[in-house]
Structure formats: structure tokens, C-alpha cells
Amino acid sequence: MLDTHTVLDLVKEVAEKVVNPRFRDLSRAQVDEKGPGDLVTVADRESEKLLTRFLRAAYPDAVVLGEEAYASRPEVMAQFHAADHAFTVDPVDGTKNFVNGSPDHAVMVAEVRDGESVRAWIWQPQHERAYVAERGAGAWCNGERLTRSTPPDDPASWRGVTSRWRWLGRTLGELSPLKLSWVCCGVDYPHLIEGDADFLLYGRRANPWDHAPGSLLLTESGGYAGTHDGRRYRPGDPLDVDGRPAGVLAAADRATYERVVGLL
């Protein structure tokens, strides 16, 4: 098994090689749309190619679910859900931020065994912050242990954020209106852990490569991630059950999650 630091070094190396040189230096020809408003760049494609090649060489029997691979081969999602051992790859999380010149983007990888995240890596190249988590061994940022503090007693003072523009200003019970997140899971989850938000509300388009790394980082810091219908979040499980759509709700702790999910 590759040790955790080796994988982190790889993620950093790939970012330095193919992502950072394109930051604020993308030509129009290097940006495409997979769908309305869903951008992909040459950096996404090259980053995923390198990360996937490395993981497959080290773990030939594991399924590698990359965001861009899924766009061209949707059947890989079923293979991921059925796999005993898999990896998720988000080659440039927050692509729209990246294209618009915002430093709020990340390169992310997660290892999944039997449907559960067991290791996670989030590298924010412009902020030079490396987040690493191992199941049962804690979560770390640049070598410092992460612990999510308990939110205030008064729910009205909780700060809830969402990346869905049409949910901005939405009020859930006595909670304050939802504000905009950092629109990048690789930045959102660290901000939640560091106390800049008390819960994150995502819609049903919640893909494993977006949430497998951050959810492990959160739970190993003392937080909790679940679905809109009350289930604990597991990246290996489909979000929709019996045709009912569900999204992801990540919170500072289990009690906060239970309070918020009851208002959805």
C-alpha cells in the first residue's frame, strides 16, 4: 500500500505540473462546457489522466472514478458502487473558480473500501494548504491536527451555506437564511471544520469525487455528514433511494445535522 504522504506528494506534483501553470493563464480554446455552466479545462483532463495512471499502476484491481472519466463513461459509476476497493479523483475541484481566476480550487483524491472513505487528500495549491485524513487516525492540515469546535447553543446564530444559487436566502425554521459557500467542496469542507460555517447544504448533484474526501476529513475532525433523508453519508452508496432524490448535508456535529435535517 502506498503510504499517505506518498499520495499527497503525488497530488502536489500533479498540481504543480499541469494545474498551476494554467492558473489565470487559460486560453478560450482550453476551456469547454460539458453541459450548461459545467466547465472543464485542459488542466482538469491532464490532472486526472496523471492521477489515474499513478493509482492504477499502484492498485491495479481498484476502480478509479474520475470526474472526467465519468463524463465520457457513465457506466464507471456502477462499477464504483459495486467495488470493494476504489479511488475517487477530482482533478480540479471548483473548475469555475479556477477559470475565473479564484484561488478557491483544489485537487482531491479519496480511497474508498467497502463503500467507506478510508483515506483522503485535499490540496489547495494557491492557498498551499494540504488536508489529509485517515479513518480512525484523525484529520490534519499541513501537519496540524484538526478538531471541529462545538457550534453555538442558539441555532439562530448558526451559519448555513450552500453552493446552490437558487437556495440563497432560503430559511429553514428558526435558522438564519442560507448564504453562499465557497462553491468548491475542497474549500467548503475545510471552512466548515475551521468554524467559518456550521453546516453545508448540497443538492442532489452530489458526486462521490466531490464529497468522499471532505466527508472523511469532517468526520475525523468530529463533524458529521449525512443525506437529506437522514442516512449517514457513504460515498459508495447511491444518494437516491427508490426514486427519491437526496443530497448531502454536512454539519459541525451530529446534533447540528439532526436539527437541520429535520427542517428540510
C-alpha atoms as a PDB file:
ATOM      1  CA  MET A   1       0.000   0.000   0.000  1.00  0.00           C
ATOM      2  CA  LEU A   2       1.245   3.467  -0.823  1.00  0.00           C
ATOM      3  CA  ASP A   3       1.705   5.494   2.321  1.00  0.00           C
ATOM      4  CA  THR A   4      -0.412   8.587   2.775  1.00  0.00           C
ATOM      5  CA  HIS A   5       2.462  11.033   2.375  1.00  0.00           C
ATOM      6  CA  THR A   6       3.461   9.489  -0.959  1.00  0.00           C
ATOM      7  CA  VAL A   7      -0.016  10.058  -2.367  1.00  0.00           C
ATOM      8  CA  LEU A   8      -0.032  13.630  -1.071  1.00  0.00           C
ATOM      9  CA  ASP A   9       3.306  14.268  -2.752  1.00  0.00           C
ATOM     10  CA  LEU A  10       1.849  12.937  -5.994  1.00  0.00           C
ATOM     11  CA  VAL A  11      -1.191  15.219  -5.769  1.00  0.00           C
ATOM     12  CA  LYS A  12       1.069  18.209  -5.171  1.00  0.00           C
ATOM     13  CA  GLU A  13       3.365  17.215  -8.023  1.00  0.00           C
ATOM     14  CA  VAL A  14       0.483  16.894 -10.476  1.00  0.00           C
ATOM     15  CA  ALA A  15      -0.912  20.265  -9.431  1.00  0.00           C
ATOM     16  CA  GLU A  16       2.476  21.880  -9.888  1.00  0.00           C
ATOM     17  CA  LYS A  17       2.954  20.280 -13.286  1.00  0.00           C
ATOM     18  CA  VAL A  18      -0.406  20.791 -15.020  1.00  0.00           C
ATOM     19  CA  VAL A  19      -2.735  22.911 -12.857  1.00  0.00           C
ATOM     20  CA  ASN A  20      -0.708  25.820 -11.501  1.00  0.00           C
ATOM     21  CA  PRO A  21       0.822  26.807 -14.872  1.00  0.00           C
ATOM     22  CA  ARG A  22      -2.729  27.301 -16.246  1.00  0.00           C
ATOM     23  CA  PHE A  23      -3.993  29.387 -13.302  1.00  0.00           C
ATOM     24  CA  ARG A  24      -5.012  32.786 -14.682  1.00  0.00           C
ATOM     25  CA  ASP A  25      -3.406  31.774 -17.968  1.00  0.00           C
ATOM     26  CA  LEU A  26      -6.108  29.768 -19.769  1.00  0.00           C
ATOM     27  CA  SER A  27      -6.929  30.492 -23.375  1.00  0.00           C
ATOM     28  CA  ARG A  28     -10.501  30.259 -24.597  1.00  0.00           C
ATOM     29  CA  ALA A  29      -9.579  27.109 -26.517  1.00  0.00           C
ATOM     30  CA  GLN A  30      -8.516  25.420 -23.254  1.00  0.00           C
ATOM     31  CA  VAL A  31     -11.989  25.687 -21.679  1.00  0.00           C
ATOM     32  CA  ASP A  32     -15.018  23.609 -22.733  1.00  0.00           C
ATOM     33  CA  GLU A  33     -18.553  23.054 -21.459  1.00  0.00           C
ATOM     34  CA  LYS A  34     -19.685  19.526 -20.603  1.00  0.00           C
ATOM     35  CA  GLY A  35     -23.162  20.976 -20.091  1.00  0.00           C
ATOM     36  CA  PRO A  36     -24.689  24.391 -19.432  1.00  0.00           C
ATOM     37  CA  GLY A  37     -22.385  26.084 -16.932  1.00  0.00           C
ATOM     38  CA  ASP A  38     -20.418  22.873 -16.302  1.00  0.00           C
ATOM     39  CA  LEU A  39     -16.861  23.732 -17.303  1.00  0.00           C
ATOM     40  CA  VAL A  40     -13.852  21.535 -17.977  1.00  0.00           C
ATOM     41  CA  THR A  41     -10.333  22.678 -18.811  1.00  0.00           C
ATOM     42  CA  VAL A  42      -7.159  21.199 -20.175  1.00  0.00           C
ATOM     43  CA  ALA A  43      -5.882  21.232 -16.578  1.00  0.00           C
ATOM     44  CA  ASP A  44      -8.782  19.015 -15.435  1.00  0.00           C
ATOM     45  CA  ARG A  45      -8.129  16.482 -18.177  1.00  0.00           C
ATOM     46  CA  GLU A  46      -4.359  16.318 -17.770  1.00  0.00           C
ATOM     47  CA  SER A  47      -4.508  16.233 -13.963  1.00  0.00           C
ATOM     48  CA  GLU A  48      -6.999  13.354 -13.952  1.00  0.00           C
ATOM     49  CA  LYS A  49      -5.005  11.422 -16.538  1.00  0.00           C
ATOM     50  CA  LEU A  50      -1.818  11.599 -14.450  1.00  0.00           C
ATOM     51  CA  LEU A  51      -3.502  10.813 -11.126  1.00  0.00           C
ATOM     52  CA  THR A  52      -5.474   7.917 -12.582  1.00  0.00           C
ATOM     53  CA  ARG A  53      -2.395   6.431 -14.247  1.00  0.00           C
ATOM     54  CA  PHE A  54      -0.491   6.510 -10.953  1.00  0.00           C
ATOM     55  CA  LEU A  55      -3.316   4.972  -8.907  1.00  0.00           C
ATOM     56  CA  ARG A  56      -3.956   2.200 -11.422  1.00  0.00           C
ATOM     57  CA  ALA A  57      -0.269   1.325 -11.505  1.00  0.00           C
ATOM     58  CA  ALA A  58      -0.160   1.078  -7.707  1.00  0.00           C
ATOM     59  CA  TYR A  59      -3.587  -0.563  -7.286  1.00  0.00           C
ATOM     60  CA  PRO A  60      -4.401  -2.458 -10.500  1.00  0.00           C
ATOM     61  CA  ASP A  61      -7.501  -4.129  -9.017  1.00  0.00           C
ATOM     62  CA  ALA A  62      -9.101  -0.913  -7.735  1.00  0.00           C
ATOM     63  CA  VAL A  63     -11.763   1.072  -9.590  1.00  0.00           C
ATOM     64  CA  VAL A  64     -10.757   4.683 -10.224  1.00  0.00           C
ATOM     65  CA  LEU A  65     -13.732   7.029 -10.523  1.00  0.00           C
ATOM     66  CA  GLY A  66     -12.608  10.311 -12.027  1.00  0.00           C
ATOM     67  CA  GLU A  67     -14.923  13.218 -12.735  1.00  0.00           C
ATOM     68  CA  GLU A  68     -13.898  13.491 -16.370  1.00  0.00           C
ATOM     69  CA  ALA A  69     -13.881   9.712 -16.924  1.00  0.00           C
ATOM     70  CA  TYR A  70     -17.475   9.612 -15.692  1.00  0.00           C
ATOM     71  CA  ALA A  71     -18.437  12.366 -18.145  1.00  0.00           C
ATOM     72  CA  SER A  72     -17.372  10.150 -21.040  1.00  0.00           C
ATOM     73  CA  ARG A  73     -18.194   6.740 -19.494  1.00  0.00           C
ATOM     74  CA  PRO A  74     -21.146   6.993 -17.058  1.00  0.00           C
ATOM     75  CA  GLU A  75     -21.061   3.220 -16.517  1.00  0.00           C
ATOM     76  CA  VAL A  76     -17.988   3.658 -14.298  1.00  0.00           C
ATOM     77  CA  MET A  77     -20.316   4.913 -11.530  1.00  0.00           C
ATOM     78  CA  ALA A  78     -21.986   1.490 -11.255  1.00  0.00           C
ATOM     79  CA  GLN A  79     -18.549  -0.123 -11.167  1.00  0.00           C
ATOM     80  CA  PHE A  80     -17.563   2.228  -8.354  1.00  0.00           C
ATOM     81  CA  HIS A  81     -20.678   1.430  -6.287  1.00  0.00           C
ATOM     82  CA  ALA A  82     -20.034  -2.306  -6.699  1.00  0.00           C
ATOM     83  CA  ALA A  83     -16.294  -2.152  -5.917  1.00  0.00           C
ATOM     84  CA  ASP A  84     -14.678  -3.422  -2.738  1.00  0.00           C
ATOM     85  CA  HIS A  85     -11.767  -1.039  -3.335  1.00  0.00           C
ATOM     86  CA  ALA A  86     -11.862   2.220  -5.247  1.00  0.00           C
ATOM     87  CA  PHE A  87     -10.498   5.721  -5.552  1.00  0.00           C
ATOM     88  CA  THR A  88     -12.197   8.977  -6.447  1.00  0.00           C
ATOM     89  CA  VAL A  89     -10.331  11.692  -8.340  1.00  0.00           C
ATOM     90  CA  ASP A  90     -11.402  15.305  -8.660  1.00  0.00           C
ATOM     91  CA  PRO A  91      -8.624  16.741 -10.826  1.00  0.00           C
ATOM     92  CA  VAL A  92      -9.607  20.403 -10.327  1.00  0.00           C
ATOM     93  CA  ASP A  93     -12.413  20.856  -7.843  1.00  0.00           C
ATOM     94  CA  GLY A  94     -14.013  24.260  -8.287  1.00  0.00           C
ATOM     95  CA  THR A  95     -13.287  24.444 -12.011  1.00  0.00           C
ATOM     96  CA  LYS A  96     -15.442  27.532 -12.485  1.00  0.00           C
ATOM     97  CA  ASN A  97     -13.492  29.284  -9.718  1.00  0.00           C
ATOM     98  CA  PHE A  98     -10.262  28.183 -11.400  1.00  0.00           C
ATOM     99  CA  VAL A  99     -11.382  29.528 -14.787  1.00  0.00           C
ATOM    100  CA  ASN A 100     -12.438  32.812 -13.190  1.00  0.00           C
ATOM    101  CA  GLY A 101      -9.058  33.267 -11.506  1.00  0.00           C
ATOM    102  CA  SER A 102     -10.183  32.489  -7.952  1.00  0.00           C
ATOM    103  CA  PRO A 103      -7.650  30.720  -5.713  1.00  0.00           C
ATOM    104  CA  ASP A 104     -10.530  28.732  -4.189  1.00  0.00           C
ATOM    105  CA  HIS A 105      -9.946  25.453  -6.016  1.00  0.00           C
ATOM    106  CA  ALA A 106      -8.379  22.131  -5.085  1.00  0.00           C
ATOM    107  CA  VAL A 107      -7.077  18.799  -6.295  1.00  0.00           C
ATOM    108  CA  MET A 108      -8.706  15.899  -4.433  1.00  0.00           C
ATOM    109  CA  VAL A 109      -8.342  12.136  -4.097  1.00  0.00           C
ATOM    110  CA  ALA A 110     -10.082   9.677  -1.776  1.00  0.00           C
ATOM    111  CA  GLU A 111      -9.616   5.972  -1.147  1.00  0.00           C
ATOM    112  CA  VAL A 112     -12.825   4.010  -0.614  1.00  0.00           C
ATOM    113  CA  ARG A 113     -13.103   0.488   0.780  1.00  0.00           C
ATOM    114  CA  ASP A 114     -16.429  -1.326   1.056  1.00  0.00           C
ATOM    115  CA  GLY A 115     -18.233   1.936   0.352  1.00  0.00           C
ATOM    116  CA  GLU A 116     -16.495   3.958   3.084  1.00  0.00           C
ATOM    117  CA  SER A 117     -13.824   6.617   2.699  1.00  0.00           C
ATOM    118  CA  VAL A 118     -10.680   5.418   4.450  1.00  0.00           C
ATOM    119  CA  ARG A 119      -8.128   7.995   3.293  1.00  0.00           C
ATOM    120  CA  ALA A 120      -8.494  11.463   1.806  1.00  0.00           C
ATOM    121  CA  TRP A 121      -6.282  14.131   0.297  1.00  0.00           C
ATOM    122  CA  ILE A 122      -7.220  17.747  -0.483  1.00  0.00           C
ATOM    123  CA  TRP A 123      -4.543  20.067  -1.843  1.00  0.00           C
ATOM    124  CA  GLN A 124      -5.350  23.765  -2.271  1.00  0.00           C
ATOM    125  CA  PRO A 125      -2.393  24.803  -4.455  1.00  0.00           C
ATOM    126  CA  GLN A 126      -2.944  28.558  -4.358  1.00  0.00           C
ATOM    127  CA  HIS A 127      -3.503  28.578  -0.582  1.00  0.00           C
ATOM    128  CA  GLU A 128      -0.724  25.999  -0.067  1.00  0.00           C
ATOM    129  CA  ARG A 129      -2.884  24.037   2.351  1.00  0.00           C
ATOM    130  CA  ALA A 130      -2.754  20.248   2.419  1.00  0.00           C
ATOM    131  CA  TYR A 131      -5.604  18.415   4.142  1.00  0.00           C
ATOM    132  CA  VAL A 132      -5.176  14.705   4.869  1.00  0.00           C
ATOM    133  CA  ALA A 133      -7.400  12.258   6.724  1.00  0.00           C
ATOM    134  CA  GLU A 134      -7.203   8.580   7.610  1.00  0.00           C
ATOM    135  CA  ARG A 135     -10.151   6.687   9.016  1.00  0.00           C
ATOM    136  CA  GLY A 136      -9.685   6.238  12.748  1.00  0.00           C
ATOM    137  CA  ALA A 137      -6.444   8.246  12.768  1.00  0.00           C
ATOM    138  CA  GLY A 138      -7.690  11.836  12.528  1.00  0.00           C
ATOM    139  CA  ALA A 139      -7.535  14.728  10.085  1.00  0.00           C
ATOM    140  CA  TRP A 140      -4.674  17.132   9.531  1.00  0.00           C
ATOM    141  CA  CYS A 141      -3.850  20.384   7.788  1.00  0.00           C
ATOM    142  CA  ASN A 142      -0.183  20.995   6.993  1.00  0.00           C
ATOM    143  CA  GLY A 143       0.718  18.612   9.798  1.00  0.00           C
ATOM    144  CA  GLU A 144      -1.593  20.112  12.450  1.00  0.00           C
ATOM    145  CA  ARG A 145      -4.471  18.083  13.911  1.00  0.00           C
ATOM    146  CA  LEU A 146      -7.950  19.355  13.050  1.00  0.00           C
ATOM    147  CA  THR A 147     -10.786  19.428  15.576  1.00  0.00           C
ATOM    148  CA  ARG A 148     -14.154  20.976  14.812  1.00  0.00           C
ATOM    149  CA  SER A 149     -15.403  23.131  17.703  1.00  0.00           C
ATOM    150  CA  THR A 150     -18.942  22.798  19.049  1.00  0.00           C
ATOM    151  CA  PRO A 151     -21.359  25.270  17.418  1.00  0.00           C
ATOM    152  CA  PRO A 152     -23.152  27.920  19.499  1.00  0.00           C
ATOM    153  CA  ASP A 153     -26.104  26.800  21.612  1.00  0.00           C
ATOM    154  CA  ASP A 154     -28.531  29.085  19.796  1.00  0.00           C
ATOM    155  CA  PRO A 155     -29.417  27.600  16.380  1.00  0.00           C
ATOM    156  CA  ALA A 156     -30.430  31.061  15.171  1.00  0.00           C
ATOM    157  CA  SER A 157     -26.753  32.006  15.244  1.00  0.00           C
ATOM    158  CA  TRP A 158     -25.624  29.049  13.137  1.00  0.00           C
ATOM    159  CA  ARG A 159     -24.171  29.889   9.751  1.00  0.00           C
ATOM    160  CA  GLY A 160     -25.519  27.699   6.995  1.00  0.00           C
ATOM    161  CA  VAL A 161     -24.055  27.879   3.496  1.00  0.00           C
ATOM    162  CA  THR A 162     -24.926  26.357   0.146  1.00  0.00           C
ATOM    163  CA  SER A 163     -23.414  26.276  -3.324  1.00  0.00           C
ATOM    164  CA  ARG A 164     -26.853  26.339  -4.958  1.00  0.00           C
ATOM    165  CA  TRP A 165     -27.631  29.880  -6.069  1.00  0.00           C
ATOM    166  CA  ARG A 166     -31.397  29.394  -6.025  1.00  0.00           C
ATOM    167  CA  TRP A 167     -31.249  28.391  -2.358  1.00  0.00           C
ATOM    168  CA  LEU A 168     -29.542  31.599  -1.264  1.00  0.00           C
ATOM    169  CA  GLY A 169     -31.661  33.364   1.332  1.00  0.00           C
ATOM    170  CA  ARG A 170     -33.721  30.230   1.986  1.00  0.00           C
ATOM    171  CA  THR A 171     -34.773  29.970   5.627  1.00  0.00           C
ATOM    172  CA  LEU A 172     -35.098  26.683   7.498  1.00  0.00           C
ATOM    173  CA  GLY A 173     -37.207  27.099  10.622  1.00  0.00           C
ATOM    174  CA  GLU A 174     -35.524  29.410  13.097  1.00  0.00           C
ATOM    175  CA  LEU A 175     -32.176  29.223  11.318  1.00  0.00           C
ATOM    176  CA  SER A 176     -30.606  32.221   9.603  1.00  0.00           C
ATOM    177  CA  PRO A 177     -31.013  32.477   5.817  1.00  0.00           C
ATOM    178  CA  LEU A 178     -28.574  30.403   3.791  1.00  0.00           C
ATOM    179  CA  LYS A 179     -25.508  32.180   2.458  1.00  0.00           C
ATOM    180  CA  LEU A 180     -23.233  31.293  -0.444  1.00  0.00           C
ATOM    181  CA  SER A 181     -20.490  28.760   0.190  1.00  0.00           C
ATOM    182  CA  TRP A 182     -17.058  28.944  -1.401  1.00  0.00           C
ATOM    183  CA  VAL A 183     -18.538  26.921  -4.320  1.00  0.00           C
ATOM    184  CA  CYS A 184     -15.840  24.263  -4.135  1.00  0.00           C
ATOM    185  CA  CYS A 185     -16.120  21.189  -1.895  1.00  0.00           C
ATOM    186  CA  GLY A 186     -12.349  21.125  -1.439  1.00  0.00           C
ATOM    187  CA  VAL A 187     -12.628  24.571   0.143  1.00  0.00           C
ATOM    188  CA  ASP A 188     -16.124  24.303   1.678  1.00  0.00           C
ATOM    189  CA  TYR A 189     -15.368  21.330   3.936  1.00  0.00           C
ATOM    190  CA  PRO A 190     -12.171  22.844   5.389  1.00  0.00           C
ATOM    191  CA  HIS A 191     -14.036  26.094   6.102  1.00  0.00           C
ATOM    192  CA  LEU A 192     -16.736  24.107   7.905  1.00  0.00           C
ATOM    193  CA  ILE A 193     -14.134  22.302  10.006  1.00  0.00           C
ATOM    194  CA  GLU A 194     -12.346  25.548  10.795  1.00  0.00           C
ATOM    195  CA  GLY A 195     -15.572  27.158  12.067  1.00  0.00           C
ATOM    196  CA  ASP A 196     -16.396  29.505   9.183  1.00  0.00           C
ATOM    197  CA  ALA A 197     -19.734  27.716   8.722  1.00  0.00           C
ATOM    198  CA  ASP A 198     -21.829  25.389  10.865  1.00  0.00           C
ATOM    199  CA  PHE A 199     -23.455  23.382   8.102  1.00  0.00           C
ATOM    200  CA  LEU A 200     -23.199  22.895   4.349  1.00  0.00           C
ATOM    201  CA  LEU A 201     -26.283  22.102   2.288  1.00  0.00           C
ATOM    202  CA  TYR A 202     -25.791  20.491  -1.132  1.00  0.00           C
ATOM    203  CA  GLY A 203     -28.350  19.488  -3.728  1.00  0.00           C
ATOM    204  CA  ARG A 204     -28.851  16.062  -5.280  1.00  0.00           C
ATOM    205  CA  ARG A 205     -25.988  16.538  -7.709  1.00  0.00           C
ATOM    206  CA  ALA A 206     -23.558  15.397  -5.039  1.00  0.00           C
ATOM    207  CA  ASN A 207     -20.976  13.163  -6.680  1.00  0.00           C
ATOM    208  CA  PRO A 208     -18.533  10.897  -4.808  1.00  0.00           C
ATOM    209  CA  TRP A 209     -15.443  12.725  -6.103  1.00  0.00           C
ATOM    210  CA  ASP A 210     -16.834  15.928  -4.545  1.00  0.00           C
ATOM    211  CA  HIS A 211     -17.734  14.519  -1.128  1.00  0.00           C
ATOM    212  CA  ALA A 212     -15.658  11.404  -0.429  1.00  0.00           C
ATOM    213  CA  PRO A 213     -12.552  13.409   0.599  1.00  0.00           C
ATOM    214  CA  GLY A 214     -14.236  16.206   2.552  1.00  0.00           C
ATOM    215  CA  SER A 215     -16.700  13.978   4.393  1.00  0.00           C
ATOM    216  CA  LEU A 216     -13.869  11.875   5.823  1.00  0.00           C
ATOM    217  CA  LEU A 217     -11.917  14.983   6.756  1.00  0.00           C
ATOM    218  CA  LEU A 218     -15.040  16.273   8.511  1.00  0.00           C
ATOM    219  CA  THR A 219     -15.922  13.113  10.419  1.00  0.00           C
ATOM    220  CA  GLU A 220     -12.333  12.608  11.539  1.00  0.00           C
ATOM    221  CA  SER A 221     -12.474  16.178  12.909  1.00  0.00           C
ATOM    222  CA  GLY A 222     -15.632  15.493  14.919  1.00  0.00           C
ATOM    223  CA  GLY A 223     -18.260  16.595  12.395  1.00  0.00           C
ATOM    224  CA  TYR A 224     -20.961  14.628  10.633  1.00  0.00           C
ATOM    225  CA  ALA A 225     -22.084  14.143   7.034  1.00  0.00           C
ATOM    226  CA  GLY A 226     -25.431  12.670   6.066  1.00  0.00           C
ATOM    227  CA  THR A 227     -28.108  12.761   3.423  1.00  0.00           C
ATOM    228  CA  HIS A 228     -31.279  14.846   3.239  1.00  0.00           C
ATOM    229  CA  ASP A 229     -33.322  11.777   4.186  1.00  0.00           C
ATOM    230  CA  GLY A 230     -31.426  11.039   7.399  1.00  0.00           C
ATOM    231  CA  ARG A 231     -28.845   8.443   6.311  1.00  0.00           C
ATOM    232  CA  ARG A 232     -25.154   8.651   7.179  1.00  0.00           C
ATOM    233  CA  TYR A 233     -23.254   9.670   4.062  1.00  0.00           C
ATOM    234  CA  ARG A 234     -21.258   6.882   2.431  1.00  0.00           C
ATOM    235  CA  PRO A 235     -19.636   7.635  -0.930  1.00  0.00           C
ATOM    236  CA  GLY A 236     -20.154   4.037  -2.031  1.00  0.00           C
ATOM    237  CA  ASP A 237     -23.948   4.271  -1.648  1.00  0.00           C
ATOM    238  CA  PRO A 238     -26.196   5.851  -4.298  1.00  0.00           C
ATOM    239  CA  LEU A 239     -27.796   9.009  -2.938  1.00  0.00           C
ATOM    240  CA  ASP A 240     -31.204   8.358  -4.480  1.00  0.00           C
ATOM    241  CA  VAL A 241     -33.286   5.582  -2.886  1.00  0.00           C
ATOM    242  CA  ASP A 242     -36.413   4.139  -4.507  1.00  0.00           C
ATOM    243  CA  GLY A 243     -36.518   7.023  -6.939  1.00  0.00           C
ATOM    244  CA  ARG A 244     -36.445   9.641  -4.190  1.00  0.00           C
ATOM    245  CA  PRO A 245     -33.712  12.258  -4.709  1.00  0.00           C
ATOM    246  CA  ALA A 246     -31.402  13.120  -1.825  1.00  0.00           C
ATOM    247  CA  GLY A 247     -28.495  15.483  -1.386  1.00  0.00           C
ATOM    248  CA  VAL A 248     -25.707  15.867   1.167  1.00  0.00           C
ATOM    249  CA  LEU A 249     -25.876  17.783   4.435  1.00  0.00           C
ATOM    250  CA  ALA A 250     -22.565  18.236   6.263  1.00  0.00           C
ATOM    251  CA  ALA A 251     -22.557  19.677   9.771  1.00  0.00           C
ATOM    252  CA  ALA A 252     -20.310  20.629  12.656  1.00  0.00           C
ATOM    253  CA  ASP A 253     -21.557  17.650  14.682  1.00  0.00           C
ATOM    254  CA  ARG A 254     -24.290  15.019  14.761  1.00  0.00           C
ATOM    255  CA  ALA A 255     -26.651  17.163  16.850  1.00  0.00           C
ATOM    256  CA  THR A 256     -26.409  20.045  14.369  1.00  0.00           C
ATOM    257  CA  TYR A 257     -27.074  17.657  11.486  1.00  0.00           C
ATOM    258  CA  GLU A 258     -30.154  16.205  13.205  1.00  0.00           C
ATOM    259  CA  ARG A 259     -31.544  19.665  13.906  1.00  0.00           C
ATOM    260  CA  VAL A 260     -31.068  20.872  10.339  1.00  0.00           C
ATOM    261  CA  VAL A 261     -32.149  17.685   8.549  1.00  0.00           C
ATOM    262  CA  GLY A 262     -35.427  17.792  10.488  1.00  0.00           C
ATOM    263  CA  LEU A 263     -36.163  21.162   8.883  1.00  0.00           C
ATOM    264  CA  LEU A 264     -35.566  20.100   5.269  1.00  0.00           C
END
